[in-house]
């Protein structure tokens, strides 16, 4: 799964379940950019690819097998501000329902430090609040947590993000902190072939944008 961010003048990808062979992520063309992940685990399930011109650093204490977090910069109302990008995988077979401790730590870090946050998440959960046609216990648990945060759900519509021969559903979620929501435009599930059972999710981060896009506030659910 990939959330592709067009953050002028470059593109960044928040990736879940990358191809891993002999402990290394394979098959990603970084085009002179950089790959961020937890290099200490045998099978990282998340990573972030940034463009060559992006200045960013890995937040190591918040990065694990299932979470990759980087801190970068963004122009917000004419001022350069730090921003955090997170790629998150929530295992469908986890012993405990979501949220994981890792995602809670990431969100709390950004809240405590007043840092705008954008998350691309393979949540493996169902709930109509992000476009699923049904709901399950994992989805209910995740939504119950989200209403305690300032995060905005960017998903729009019910176009499937996950497609296999006998099943189509929405299990991938894009989240932003409230102060970053107005910067995000053009959220969509792409028809482009991804060579995966997940579809690409694409959107733009435009510093000049001042219009708040349509969004779903989990507090109002």
N, C-alpha and C. Protein backbone atom coordinates (compact mmCIF):
# COMPACT_ATOMS: atom_id res chain seq x y z
N UNK A 1 0.85 -1.19 0.00
CA UNK A 1 0.00 0.00 0.00
C UNK A 1 0.88 1.24 0.00
N UNK A 2 0.51 2.24 -0.82
CA UNK A 2 1.29 3.47 -0.87
C UNK A 2 0.36 4.67 -0.85
N UNK A 3 0.67 5.63 0.03
CA UNK A 3 0.07 6.95 -0.02
C UNK A 3 1.10 7.84 -0.71
N UNK A 4 0.76 8.38 -1.87
CA UNK A 4 1.69 9.18 -2.65
C UNK A 4 1.36 10.65 -2.45
N UNK A 5 2.32 11.40 -1.90
CA UNK A 5 2.11 12.81 -1.58
C UNK A 5 2.88 13.65 -2.58
N UNK A 6 2.16 14.47 -3.31
CA UNK A 6 2.81 15.45 -4.18
C UNK A 6 3.02 16.71 -3.36
N UNK A 7 4.21 16.85 -2.81
CA UNK A 7 4.55 18.01 -1.97
C UNK A 7 5.58 18.82 -2.74
N UNK A 8 5.08 19.80 -3.47
CA UNK A 8 5.94 20.53 -4.41
C UNK A 8 7.23 20.98 -3.74
N UNK A 9 8.38 20.77 -4.43
CA UNK A 9 8.53 20.32 -5.82
C UNK A 9 8.85 18.84 -5.93
N UNK A 10 8.42 18.02 -4.99
CA UNK A 10 8.81 16.63 -5.01
C UNK A 10 7.64 15.75 -4.60
N UNK A 11 7.86 14.44 -4.65
CA UNK A 11 6.84 13.47 -4.26
C UNK A 11 7.40 12.57 -3.17
N UNK A 12 6.55 12.27 -2.20
CA UNK A 12 6.93 11.36 -1.13
C UNK A 12 5.92 10.23 -1.06
N UNK A 13 6.37 9.06 -0.65
CA UNK A 13 5.50 7.88 -0.59
C UNK A 13 5.53 7.29 0.81
N UNK A 14 4.34 7.11 1.38
CA UNK A 14 4.18 6.45 2.67
C UNK A 14 3.73 5.02 2.37
N UNK A 15 4.59 4.06 2.62
CA UNK A 15 4.40 2.70 2.12
C UNK A 15 4.22 1.72 3.27
N UNK A 16 3.24 0.81 3.09
CA UNK A 16 3.04 -0.28 4.04
C UNK A 16 3.21 -1.61 3.31
N UNK A 17 3.71 -2.59 4.02
CA UNK A 17 3.97 -3.94 3.50
C UNK A 17 4.82 -3.91 2.22
N UNK A 18 6.00 -3.30 2.27
CA UNK A 18 6.89 -3.34 1.11
C UNK A 18 7.46 -4.75 0.92
N UNK A 19 8.00 -4.98 -0.25
CA UNK A 19 8.66 -6.26 -0.52
C UNK A 19 9.99 -6.31 0.24
N UNK A 20 10.18 -7.34 1.05
CA UNK A 20 11.41 -7.48 1.84
C UNK A 20 12.07 -8.80 1.48
N UNK A 21 13.35 -8.74 1.15
CA UNK A 21 14.13 -9.94 0.83
C UNK A 21 15.46 -9.86 1.56
N UNK A 22 15.74 -10.89 2.35
CA UNK A 22 16.97 -10.95 3.14
C UNK A 22 17.17 -9.67 3.96
N UNK A 23 16.10 -9.29 4.67
CA UNK A 23 16.09 -8.17 5.62
C UNK A 23 16.10 -6.79 4.97
N UNK A 24 16.13 -6.73 3.63
CA UNK A 24 16.19 -5.43 2.97
C UNK A 24 14.94 -5.21 2.11
N UNK A 25 14.48 -3.97 2.08
CA UNK A 25 13.35 -3.60 1.23
C UNK A 25 13.82 -3.53 -0.21
N UNK A 26 13.09 -4.22 -1.08
CA UNK A 26 13.48 -4.30 -2.49
C UNK A 26 12.41 -3.69 -3.38
N UNK A 27 12.82 -3.40 -4.62
CA UNK A 27 11.87 -3.05 -5.67
C UNK A 27 11.36 -1.63 -5.67
N UNK A 28 11.96 -0.74 -4.87
CA UNK A 28 11.52 0.64 -4.85
C UNK A 28 12.57 1.51 -5.54
N UNK A 29 12.13 2.30 -6.49
CA UNK A 29 13.02 3.20 -7.20
C UNK A 29 13.00 4.55 -6.48
N UNK A 30 14.05 4.86 -5.75
CA UNK A 30 14.08 6.11 -4.99
C UNK A 30 14.48 7.30 -5.85
N UNK A 31 14.95 7.07 -7.07
CA UNK A 31 15.30 8.15 -8.00
C UNK A 31 16.20 9.21 -7.36
N UNK A 32 17.21 8.75 -6.68
CA UNK A 32 18.15 9.68 -6.06
C UNK A 32 17.68 10.20 -4.72
N UNK A 33 16.49 9.79 -4.30
CA UNK A 33 15.97 10.21 -3.00
C UNK A 33 16.47 9.30 -1.89
N UNK A 34 15.65 9.17 -0.85
CA UNK A 34 16.09 8.40 0.30
C UNK A 34 14.97 7.51 0.81
N UNK A 35 15.34 6.34 1.29
CA UNK A 35 14.42 5.38 1.88
C UNK A 35 14.60 5.39 3.39
N UNK A 36 13.49 5.59 4.11
CA UNK A 36 13.51 5.59 5.57
C UNK A 36 12.73 4.38 6.08
N UNK A 37 13.30 3.67 7.06
CA UNK A 37 12.61 2.55 7.69
C UNK A 37 13.39 2.15 8.93
N UNK A 38 12.87 1.17 9.65
CA UNK A 38 13.61 0.60 10.77
C UNK A 38 14.56 -0.46 10.23
N UNK A 39 15.81 -0.11 10.13
CA UNK A 39 16.80 -1.02 9.54
C UNK A 39 17.27 -2.09 10.52
N UNK A 40 16.79 -2.02 11.76
CA UNK A 40 17.25 -2.97 12.77
C UNK A 40 16.38 -4.23 12.86
N UNK A 41 15.20 -4.19 12.24
CA UNK A 41 14.34 -5.38 12.31
C UNK A 41 14.51 -6.20 11.03
N UNK A 42 14.18 -7.49 11.12
CA UNK A 42 14.38 -8.40 9.99
C UNK A 42 13.38 -8.15 8.86
N UNK A 43 12.18 -7.69 9.21
CA UNK A 43 11.16 -7.52 8.19
C UNK A 43 10.34 -6.26 8.47
N UNK A 44 10.87 -5.10 8.08
CA UNK A 44 10.09 -3.86 8.26
C UNK A 44 8.80 -3.91 7.44
N UNK A 45 7.70 -3.49 8.06
CA UNK A 45 6.41 -3.52 7.37
C UNK A 45 5.94 -2.12 6.97
N UNK A 46 6.79 -1.13 7.20
CA UNK A 46 6.51 0.23 6.73
C UNK A 46 7.80 0.89 6.29
N UNK A 47 7.66 1.88 5.43
CA UNK A 47 8.81 2.70 5.05
C UNK A 47 8.29 3.99 4.42
N UNK A 48 9.17 4.95 4.24
CA UNK A 48 8.85 6.20 3.56
C UNK A 48 9.94 6.48 2.55
N UNK A 49 9.54 6.83 1.34
CA UNK A 49 10.49 7.24 0.30
C UNK A 49 10.29 8.73 0.05
N UNK A 50 11.37 9.49 0.15
CA UNK A 50 11.30 10.93 -0.07
C UNK A 50 12.14 11.32 -1.27
N UNK A 51 11.80 12.45 -1.86
CA UNK A 51 12.53 12.94 -3.01
C UNK A 51 13.92 13.43 -2.65
N UNK A 52 14.74 13.62 -3.70
CA UNK A 52 16.13 13.99 -3.48
C UNK A 52 16.27 15.35 -2.82
N UNK A 53 15.30 16.25 -3.07
CA UNK A 53 15.42 17.61 -2.54
C UNK A 53 14.81 17.77 -1.15
N UNK A 54 14.24 16.70 -0.61
CA UNK A 54 13.58 16.79 0.69
C UNK A 54 14.60 16.74 1.82
N UNK A 55 14.49 17.67 2.74
CA UNK A 55 15.33 17.65 3.93
C UNK A 55 14.50 17.04 5.06
N UNK A 56 14.91 15.88 5.51
CA UNK A 56 14.13 15.18 6.53
C UNK A 56 15.07 14.33 7.38
N UNK A 57 14.55 13.93 8.52
CA UNK A 57 15.30 13.02 9.38
C UNK A 57 14.36 11.97 9.94
N UNK A 58 14.88 10.77 10.12
CA UNK A 58 14.11 9.69 10.71
C UNK A 58 13.98 9.94 12.22
N UNK A 59 12.75 9.82 12.73
CA UNK A 59 12.53 9.93 14.18
C UNK A 59 12.69 8.51 14.74
N UNK A 60 13.89 8.19 15.14
CA UNK A 60 14.24 6.80 15.44
C UNK A 60 13.46 6.23 16.63
N UNK A 61 13.23 7.04 17.66
CA UNK A 61 12.55 6.51 18.83
C UNK A 61 11.07 6.25 18.59
N UNK A 62 10.54 6.73 17.47
CA UNK A 62 9.13 6.48 17.13
C UNK A 62 8.99 5.52 15.95
N UNK A 63 10.11 5.03 15.44
CA UNK A 63 10.11 4.13 14.29
C UNK A 63 10.31 2.69 14.75
N UNK A 64 9.48 1.79 14.22
CA UNK A 64 9.52 0.38 14.60
C UNK A 64 9.24 -0.46 13.36
N UNK A 65 8.97 -1.73 13.57
CA UNK A 65 8.63 -2.59 12.44
C UNK A 65 7.38 -2.09 11.72
N UNK A 66 6.41 -1.58 12.47
CA UNK A 66 5.11 -1.21 11.91
C UNK A 66 4.88 0.29 11.82
N UNK A 67 5.85 1.09 12.18
CA UNK A 67 5.73 2.55 12.09
C UNK A 67 7.04 3.14 11.56
N UNK A 68 6.94 4.00 10.56
CA UNK A 68 8.08 4.81 10.13
C UNK A 68 7.65 6.27 10.24
N UNK A 69 8.46 7.08 10.91
CA UNK A 69 8.14 8.49 11.10
C UNK A 69 9.34 9.34 10.73
N UNK A 70 9.11 10.36 9.92
CA UNK A 70 10.16 11.31 9.57
C UNK A 70 9.69 12.72 9.89
N UNK A 71 10.63 13.59 10.16
CA UNK A 71 10.34 14.99 10.41
C UNK A 71 10.93 15.81 9.27
N UNK A 72 10.09 16.59 8.62
CA UNK A 72 10.51 17.36 7.46
C UNK A 72 10.01 18.80 7.64
N UNK A 73 10.07 19.59 6.59
CA UNK A 73 9.62 20.99 6.69
C UNK A 73 8.57 21.28 5.64
N UNK A 74 7.71 22.25 5.93
CA UNK A 74 6.65 22.64 5.02
C UNK A 74 6.42 24.14 5.17
N UNK A 75 6.07 24.78 4.06
CA UNK A 75 5.75 26.20 4.08
C UNK A 75 4.29 26.36 4.51
N UNK A 76 4.07 26.96 5.67
CA UNK A 76 2.73 27.18 6.19
C UNK A 76 2.53 28.67 6.41
N UNK A 77 1.70 29.27 5.53
CA UNK A 77 1.40 30.69 5.59
C UNK A 77 2.67 31.53 5.54
N UNK A 78 3.59 31.14 4.64
CA UNK A 78 4.80 31.91 4.42
C UNK A 78 5.93 31.62 5.39
N UNK A 79 5.71 30.72 6.33
CA UNK A 79 6.74 30.38 7.31
C UNK A 79 7.07 28.89 7.20
N UNK A 80 8.35 28.59 7.26
CA UNK A 80 8.77 27.19 7.22
C UNK A 80 8.55 26.56 8.59
N UNK A 81 7.78 25.48 8.61
CA UNK A 81 7.49 24.79 9.86
C UNK A 81 7.86 23.33 9.76
N UNK A 82 8.21 22.74 10.88
CA UNK A 82 8.45 21.30 10.93
C UNK A 82 7.14 20.55 10.78
N UNK A 83 7.18 19.43 10.07
CA UNK A 83 6.01 18.57 9.89
C UNK A 83 6.45 17.12 10.02
N UNK A 84 5.57 16.26 10.51
CA UNK A 84 5.87 14.84 10.66
C UNK A 84 5.02 14.04 9.67
N UNK A 85 5.65 13.10 8.99
CA UNK A 85 4.96 12.16 8.11
C UNK A 85 5.11 10.77 8.71
N UNK A 86 4.00 10.03 8.76
CA UNK A 86 4.04 8.70 9.34
C UNK A 86 3.46 7.65 8.41
N UNK A 87 4.13 6.53 8.29
CA UNK A 87 3.61 5.37 7.57
C UNK A 87 3.36 4.28 8.60
N UNK A 88 2.11 3.80 8.68
CA UNK A 88 1.72 2.91 9.77
C UNK A 88 1.02 1.67 9.24
N UNK A 89 1.37 0.54 9.81
CA UNK A 89 0.69 -0.74 9.52
C UNK A 89 0.10 -1.27 10.81
N UNK A 90 -1.19 -1.56 10.79
CA UNK A 90 -1.86 -2.16 11.94
C UNK A 90 -2.18 -3.60 11.60
N UNK A 91 -1.44 -4.57 12.16
CA UNK A 91 -1.60 -5.97 11.78
C UNK A 91 -3.02 -6.48 12.06
N UNK A 92 -3.57 -7.19 11.09
CA UNK A 92 -4.92 -7.74 11.25
C UNK A 92 -4.97 -8.85 12.30
N UNK A 93 -3.81 -9.47 12.56
CA UNK A 93 -3.77 -10.59 13.50
C UNK A 93 -3.17 -10.20 14.86
N UNK A 94 -3.14 -8.90 15.15
CA UNK A 94 -2.60 -8.44 16.44
C UNK A 94 -3.45 -8.97 17.59
N UNK A 95 -2.80 -9.25 18.71
CA UNK A 95 -3.52 -9.77 19.87
C UNK A 95 -4.47 -8.74 20.47
N UNK A 96 -4.10 -7.47 20.39
CA UNK A 96 -4.91 -6.40 20.94
C UNK A 96 -5.53 -5.58 19.82
N UNK A 97 -6.72 -5.03 20.03
CA UNK A 97 -7.34 -4.18 19.00
C UNK A 97 -6.58 -2.88 18.87
N UNK A 98 -6.74 -2.19 17.74
CA UNK A 98 -6.06 -0.90 17.58
C UNK A 98 -6.66 0.13 18.53
N UNK A 99 -5.87 1.18 18.83
CA UNK A 99 -4.59 1.55 18.20
C UNK A 99 -3.43 0.81 18.85
N UNK A 100 -2.34 0.68 18.12
CA UNK A 100 -1.13 0.11 18.69
C UNK A 100 -0.44 1.16 19.56
N UNK A 101 0.44 0.70 20.43
CA UNK A 101 1.19 1.62 21.29
C UNK A 101 2.04 2.57 20.45
N UNK A 102 2.54 2.06 19.31
CA UNK A 102 3.42 2.87 18.46
C UNK A 102 2.68 4.06 17.85
N UNK A 103 1.45 3.83 17.37
CA UNK A 103 0.72 4.94 16.76
C UNK A 103 0.30 5.95 17.81
N UNK A 104 -0.03 5.48 19.00
CA UNK A 104 -0.38 6.40 20.10
C UNK A 104 0.82 7.28 20.44
N UNK A 105 2.00 6.68 20.50
CA UNK A 105 3.21 7.45 20.81
C UNK A 105 3.50 8.50 19.76
N UNK A 106 3.32 8.15 18.48
CA UNK A 106 3.56 9.10 17.40
C UNK A 106 2.59 10.29 17.49
N UNK A 107 1.33 10.00 17.68
CA UNK A 107 0.32 11.06 17.74
C UNK A 107 0.55 11.93 18.96
N UNK A 108 0.91 11.34 20.08
CA UNK A 108 1.15 12.11 21.29
C UNK A 108 2.38 12.99 21.14
N UNK A 109 3.41 12.48 20.47
CA UNK A 109 4.63 13.26 20.24
C UNK A 109 4.30 14.53 19.44
N UNK A 110 3.51 14.38 18.38
CA UNK A 110 3.17 15.53 17.55
C UNK A 110 2.27 16.50 18.30
N UNK A 111 1.36 15.97 19.10
CA UNK A 111 0.48 16.84 19.88
C UNK A 111 1.27 17.63 20.92
N UNK A 112 2.18 16.95 21.62
CA UNK A 112 2.96 17.61 22.66
C UNK A 112 3.87 18.69 22.10
N UNK A 113 4.38 18.45 20.87
CA UNK A 113 5.32 19.39 20.26
C UNK A 113 4.68 20.31 19.23
N UNK A 114 3.33 20.23 19.14
CA UNK A 114 2.58 21.09 18.21
C UNK A 114 3.11 20.99 16.79
N UNK A 115 3.30 19.75 16.34
CA UNK A 115 3.81 19.48 15.00
C UNK A 115 2.68 18.98 14.10
N UNK A 116 2.47 19.60 12.93
CA UNK A 116 1.49 19.06 11.98
C UNK A 116 1.87 17.62 11.61
N UNK A 117 0.85 16.79 11.40
CA UNK A 117 1.08 15.36 11.19
C UNK A 117 0.21 14.86 10.04
N UNK A 118 0.81 14.07 9.15
CA UNK A 118 0.08 13.37 8.10
C UNK A 118 0.44 11.88 8.22
N UNK A 119 -0.59 11.03 8.25
CA UNK A 119 -0.39 9.59 8.41
C UNK A 119 -1.03 8.85 7.24
N UNK A 120 -0.27 7.93 6.64
CA UNK A 120 -0.82 6.95 5.72
C UNK A 120 -0.83 5.62 6.43
N UNK A 121 -2.02 5.00 6.54
CA UNK A 121 -2.17 3.83 7.40
C UNK A 121 -2.89 2.69 6.69
N UNK A 122 -2.27 1.52 6.67
CA UNK A 122 -2.96 0.28 6.32
C UNK A 122 -3.54 -0.25 7.62
N UNK A 123 -4.83 0.08 7.87
CA UNK A 123 -5.42 -0.15 9.19
C UNK A 123 -5.98 -1.55 9.37
N UNK A 124 -6.26 -2.25 8.26
CA UNK A 124 -6.89 -3.57 8.37
C UNK A 124 -8.12 -3.52 9.27
N UNK A 125 -8.92 -2.48 9.12
CA UNK A 125 -10.13 -2.31 9.90
C UNK A 125 -11.27 -1.85 8.99
N UNK A 126 -12.49 -2.10 9.40
CA UNK A 126 -13.66 -1.69 8.63
C UNK A 126 -14.50 -0.73 9.45
N UNK A 127 -14.89 0.37 8.82
CA UNK A 127 -15.87 1.27 9.42
C UNK A 127 -16.37 2.24 8.35
N UNK A 128 -17.67 2.52 8.32
CA UNK A 128 -18.21 3.46 7.32
C UNK A 128 -17.60 4.85 7.42
N UNK A 129 -17.02 5.20 8.56
CA UNK A 129 -16.45 6.54 8.74
C UNK A 129 -15.30 6.78 7.77
N UNK A 130 -14.63 5.73 7.30
CA UNK A 130 -13.58 5.92 6.28
C UNK A 130 -13.90 5.20 4.99
N UNK A 131 -15.19 4.84 4.78
CA UNK A 131 -15.61 4.36 3.47
C UNK A 131 -15.93 2.90 3.36
N UNK A 132 -15.71 2.12 4.41
CA UNK A 132 -16.06 0.71 4.36
C UNK A 132 -17.57 0.55 4.30
N UNK A 133 -18.02 -0.53 3.70
CA UNK A 133 -19.46 -0.79 3.62
C UNK A 133 -19.99 -1.50 4.85
N UNK A 134 -19.09 -1.89 5.75
CA UNK A 134 -19.50 -2.52 7.00
C UNK A 134 -18.55 -2.07 8.10
N UNK A 135 -18.74 -2.60 9.28
CA UNK A 135 -17.84 -2.28 10.39
C UNK A 135 -17.51 -3.56 11.13
N UNK A 136 -16.35 -3.56 11.82
CA UNK A 136 -15.99 -4.69 12.66
C UNK A 136 -15.45 -4.17 13.99
N UNK A 137 -15.12 -5.09 14.88
CA UNK A 137 -14.67 -4.68 16.22
C UNK A 137 -13.39 -3.86 16.15
N UNK A 138 -12.50 -4.21 15.23
CA UNK A 138 -11.25 -3.46 15.11
C UNK A 138 -11.53 -2.03 14.65
N UNK A 139 -12.46 -1.89 13.71
CA UNK A 139 -12.81 -0.56 13.25
C UNK A 139 -13.46 0.27 14.34
N UNK A 140 -14.34 -0.34 15.12
CA UNK A 140 -14.98 0.37 16.23
C UNK A 140 -13.95 0.82 17.25
N UNK A 141 -12.97 -0.04 17.52
CA UNK A 141 -11.94 0.30 18.51
C UNK A 141 -11.07 1.44 18.02
N UNK A 142 -10.70 1.42 16.74
CA UNK A 142 -9.85 2.48 16.20
C UNK A 142 -10.60 3.81 16.20
N UNK A 143 -11.87 3.81 15.79
CA UNK A 143 -12.63 5.05 15.78
C UNK A 143 -12.81 5.59 17.19
N UNK A 144 -13.02 4.71 18.14
CA UNK A 144 -13.16 5.14 19.54
C UNK A 144 -11.92 5.89 20.00
N UNK A 145 -10.76 5.45 19.54
CA UNK A 145 -9.53 6.16 19.87
C UNK A 145 -9.42 7.48 19.11
N UNK A 146 -9.72 7.47 17.82
CA UNK A 146 -9.54 8.66 16.99
C UNK A 146 -10.36 9.84 17.49
N UNK A 147 -11.53 9.58 18.08
CA UNK A 147 -12.34 10.70 18.56
C UNK A 147 -11.71 11.38 19.77
N UNK A 148 -10.69 10.78 20.36
CA UNK A 148 -10.00 11.42 21.49
C UNK A 148 -8.83 12.27 21.02
N UNK A 149 -8.56 12.31 19.72
CA UNK A 149 -7.43 13.06 19.16
C UNK A 149 -7.95 14.22 18.32
N UNK A 150 -7.03 15.01 17.76
CA UNK A 150 -7.44 16.10 16.87
C UNK A 150 -7.29 15.69 15.41
N UNK A 151 -7.21 14.38 15.15
CA UNK A 151 -6.96 13.92 13.79
C UNK A 151 -8.21 13.98 12.92
N UNK A 152 -8.00 14.31 11.65
CA UNK A 152 -9.04 14.38 10.64
C UNK A 152 -8.89 13.19 9.71
N UNK A 153 -10.00 12.54 9.37
CA UNK A 153 -10.00 11.45 8.40
C UNK A 153 -10.21 12.05 7.02
N UNK A 154 -9.25 11.86 6.12
CA UNK A 154 -9.33 12.46 4.79
C UNK A 154 -10.08 11.60 3.78
N UNK A 155 -10.29 10.32 4.08
CA UNK A 155 -10.97 9.44 3.13
C UNK A 155 -12.29 10.03 2.69
N UNK A 156 -12.56 9.92 1.38
CA UNK A 156 -13.82 10.38 0.81
C UNK A 156 -14.38 9.29 -0.08
N UNK A 157 -15.67 9.03 0.04
CA UNK A 157 -16.32 8.05 -0.81
C UNK A 157 -16.10 6.62 -0.34
N UNK A 158 -16.50 5.69 -1.18
CA UNK A 158 -16.44 4.27 -0.83
C UNK A 158 -15.64 3.46 -1.85
N UNK A 159 -14.86 4.14 -2.68
CA UNK A 159 -14.04 3.42 -3.66
C UNK A 159 -13.04 2.53 -2.95
N UNK A 160 -12.99 1.22 -3.27
CA UNK A 160 -12.14 0.29 -2.53
C UNK A 160 -10.66 0.66 -2.61
N UNK A 161 -9.97 0.50 -1.50
CA UNK A 161 -8.51 0.65 -1.48
C UNK A 161 -7.82 -0.70 -1.51
N UNK A 162 -8.60 -1.78 -1.25
CA UNK A 162 -8.07 -3.14 -1.22
C UNK A 162 -8.96 -3.99 -2.11
N UNK A 163 -8.35 -4.69 -3.09
CA UNK A 163 -9.13 -5.46 -4.05
C UNK A 163 -8.45 -6.79 -4.34
N UNK A 164 -9.20 -7.89 -4.09
CA UNK A 164 -8.79 -9.22 -4.50
C UNK A 164 -9.95 -9.84 -5.27
N UNK A 165 -9.79 -11.07 -5.71
CA UNK A 165 -10.77 -11.67 -6.62
C UNK A 165 -12.19 -11.66 -6.05
N UNK A 166 -12.33 -11.94 -4.77
CA UNK A 166 -13.68 -12.10 -4.21
C UNK A 166 -14.03 -11.05 -3.16
N UNK A 167 -13.17 -10.04 -3.03
CA UNK A 167 -13.46 -9.06 -1.98
C UNK A 167 -12.89 -7.70 -2.35
N UNK A 168 -13.66 -6.67 -2.09
CA UNK A 168 -13.22 -5.30 -2.27
C UNK A 168 -13.68 -4.51 -1.06
N UNK A 169 -12.78 -3.72 -0.48
CA UNK A 169 -13.16 -2.97 0.70
C UNK A 169 -12.22 -1.79 0.91
N UNK A 170 -12.51 -0.98 1.91
CA UNK A 170 -11.66 0.14 2.28
C UNK A 170 -11.05 -0.16 3.64
N UNK A 171 -9.75 -0.42 3.66
CA UNK A 171 -9.06 -0.68 4.91
C UNK A 171 -7.86 0.24 5.10
N UNK A 172 -7.68 1.18 4.17
CA UNK A 172 -6.56 2.10 4.23
C UNK A 172 -7.07 3.51 4.54
N UNK A 173 -6.41 4.17 5.48
CA UNK A 173 -6.89 5.44 5.99
C UNK A 173 -5.79 6.49 5.88
N UNK A 174 -6.19 7.70 5.52
CA UNK A 174 -5.29 8.85 5.55
C UNK A 174 -5.77 9.78 6.65
N UNK A 175 -4.86 10.14 7.55
CA UNK A 175 -5.19 10.98 8.69
C UNK A 175 -4.28 12.20 8.71
N UNK A 176 -4.83 13.33 9.14
CA UNK A 176 -3.99 14.51 9.37
C UNK A 176 -4.40 15.16 10.67
N UNK A 177 -3.46 15.85 11.27
CA UNK A 177 -3.80 16.71 12.39
C UNK A 177 -4.62 17.89 11.86
N UNK A 178 -5.38 18.53 12.72
CA UNK A 178 -6.28 19.59 12.28
C UNK A 178 -5.53 20.72 11.58
N UNK A 179 -4.34 21.07 12.07
CA UNK A 179 -3.60 22.19 11.48
C UNK A 179 -2.98 21.84 10.14
N UNK A 180 -2.97 20.57 9.75
CA UNK A 180 -2.44 20.19 8.44
C UNK A 180 -3.54 19.93 7.42
N UNK A 181 -4.78 19.79 7.88
CA UNK A 181 -5.87 19.40 6.98
C UNK A 181 -6.09 20.40 5.85
N UNK A 182 -5.93 21.69 6.14
CA UNK A 182 -6.18 22.71 5.12
C UNK A 182 -5.11 22.74 4.03
N UNK A 183 -3.99 22.03 4.25
CA UNK A 183 -2.92 22.00 3.25
C UNK A 183 -3.10 20.88 2.24
N UNK A 184 -4.00 19.94 2.55
CA UNK A 184 -4.14 18.74 1.73
C UNK A 184 -5.30 18.90 0.75
N UNK A 185 -5.03 18.65 -0.52
CA UNK A 185 -6.06 18.72 -1.55
C UNK A 185 -5.96 17.49 -2.45
N UNK A 186 -7.05 17.23 -3.18
CA UNK A 186 -7.03 16.22 -4.23
C UNK A 186 -6.91 14.79 -3.74
N UNK A 187 -7.41 14.49 -2.54
CA UNK A 187 -7.32 13.11 -2.04
C UNK A 187 -8.15 12.20 -2.94
N UNK A 188 -7.56 11.07 -3.35
CA UNK A 188 -8.27 10.15 -4.23
C UNK A 188 -7.63 8.76 -4.19
N UNK A 189 -8.43 7.78 -4.49
CA UNK A 189 -7.94 6.42 -4.72
C UNK A 189 -7.67 6.29 -6.21
N UNK A 190 -6.43 6.02 -6.58
CA UNK A 190 -6.01 6.04 -7.97
C UNK A 190 -6.40 4.76 -8.70
N UNK A 191 -6.71 4.91 -10.00
CA UNK A 191 -6.95 3.76 -10.87
C UNK A 191 -5.65 3.22 -11.47
N UNK A 192 -4.55 3.87 -11.20
CA UNK A 192 -3.26 3.43 -11.74
C UNK A 192 -2.90 2.05 -11.18
N UNK A 193 -2.37 1.20 -12.03
CA UNK A 193 -1.97 -0.14 -11.61
C UNK A 193 -0.85 -0.06 -10.59
N UNK A 194 -1.06 -0.71 -9.44
CA UNK A 194 -0.08 -0.64 -8.36
C UNK A 194 0.74 -1.92 -8.22
N UNK A 195 0.38 -2.97 -9.00
CA UNK A 195 1.03 -4.28 -8.89
C UNK A 195 0.88 -4.83 -7.47
N UNK A 196 -0.23 -4.52 -6.84
CA UNK A 196 -0.50 -4.94 -5.46
C UNK A 196 -2.00 -5.14 -5.33
N UNK A 197 -2.43 -5.77 -4.22
CA UNK A 197 -3.87 -5.88 -3.96
C UNK A 197 -4.41 -4.62 -3.30
N UNK A 198 -3.53 -3.65 -3.02
CA UNK A 198 -3.94 -2.33 -2.54
C UNK A 198 -3.79 -1.33 -3.67
N UNK A 199 -4.66 -0.34 -3.69
CA UNK A 199 -4.57 0.73 -4.67
C UNK A 199 -3.74 1.88 -4.12
N UNK A 200 -3.15 2.66 -5.02
CA UNK A 200 -2.48 3.88 -4.59
C UNK A 200 -3.51 4.89 -4.07
N UNK A 201 -3.15 5.58 -3.01
CA UNK A 201 -3.89 6.75 -2.57
C UNK A 201 -3.01 7.96 -2.82
N UNK A 202 -3.57 8.96 -3.53
CA UNK A 202 -2.77 10.12 -3.92
C UNK A 202 -3.42 11.40 -3.39
N UNK A 203 -2.59 12.36 -3.05
CA UNK A 203 -3.07 13.69 -2.68
C UNK A 203 -1.92 14.67 -2.77
N UNK A 204 -2.25 15.95 -2.70
CA UNK A 204 -1.25 17.01 -2.78
C UNK A 204 -1.19 17.77 -1.46
N UNK A 205 0.01 18.21 -1.12
CA UNK A 205 0.19 19.14 0.00
C UNK A 205 0.62 20.46 -0.61
N UNK A 206 -0.26 21.46 -0.53
CA UNK A 206 -0.02 22.74 -1.18
C UNK A 206 -0.01 23.84 -0.14
N UNK A 207 1.16 24.43 0.13
CA UNK A 207 1.26 25.48 1.14
C UNK A 207 0.37 26.68 0.87
N UNK A 208 0.08 26.96 -0.43
CA UNK A 208 -0.69 28.15 -0.74
C UNK A 208 -2.19 27.94 -0.51
N UNK A 209 -2.60 26.69 -0.29
CA UNK A 209 -4.02 26.42 -0.11
C UNK A 209 -4.52 27.01 1.18
N UNK A 210 -5.69 27.67 1.11
CA UNK A 210 -6.31 28.22 2.31
C UNK A 210 -7.71 27.67 2.52
N UNK A 211 -8.21 26.89 1.53
CA UNK A 211 -9.53 26.32 1.66
C UNK A 211 -9.45 24.99 2.38
N UNK A 212 -10.28 24.80 3.39
CA UNK A 212 -10.31 23.54 4.10
C UNK A 212 -11.11 22.55 3.27
N UNK A 213 -10.53 21.41 2.88
CA UNK A 213 -11.25 20.46 2.04
C UNK A 213 -12.33 19.75 2.85
N UNK A 214 -13.31 19.10 2.15
CA UNK A 214 -14.29 18.29 2.87
C UNK A 214 -13.58 17.24 3.70
N UNK A 215 -14.04 17.03 4.91
CA UNK A 215 -13.36 16.09 5.79
C UNK A 215 -14.35 15.51 6.78
N UNK A 216 -13.98 14.40 7.37
CA UNK A 216 -14.84 13.74 8.32
C UNK A 216 -14.24 13.89 9.72
N UNK A 217 -14.98 14.48 10.60
CA UNK A 217 -14.53 14.64 11.98
C UNK A 217 -15.04 13.47 12.80
N UNK A 218 -14.15 12.58 13.26
CA UNK A 218 -14.61 11.41 14.01
C UNK A 218 -15.34 11.78 15.30
N UNK A 219 -15.10 12.97 15.81
CA UNK A 219 -15.82 13.39 17.02
C UNK A 219 -17.33 13.52 16.79
N UNK A 220 -17.70 13.77 15.54
CA UNK A 220 -19.11 13.98 15.23
C UNK A 220 -19.81 12.68 14.85
N UNK A 221 -19.09 11.57 14.90
CA UNK A 221 -19.68 10.30 14.50
C UNK A 221 -20.59 9.77 15.60
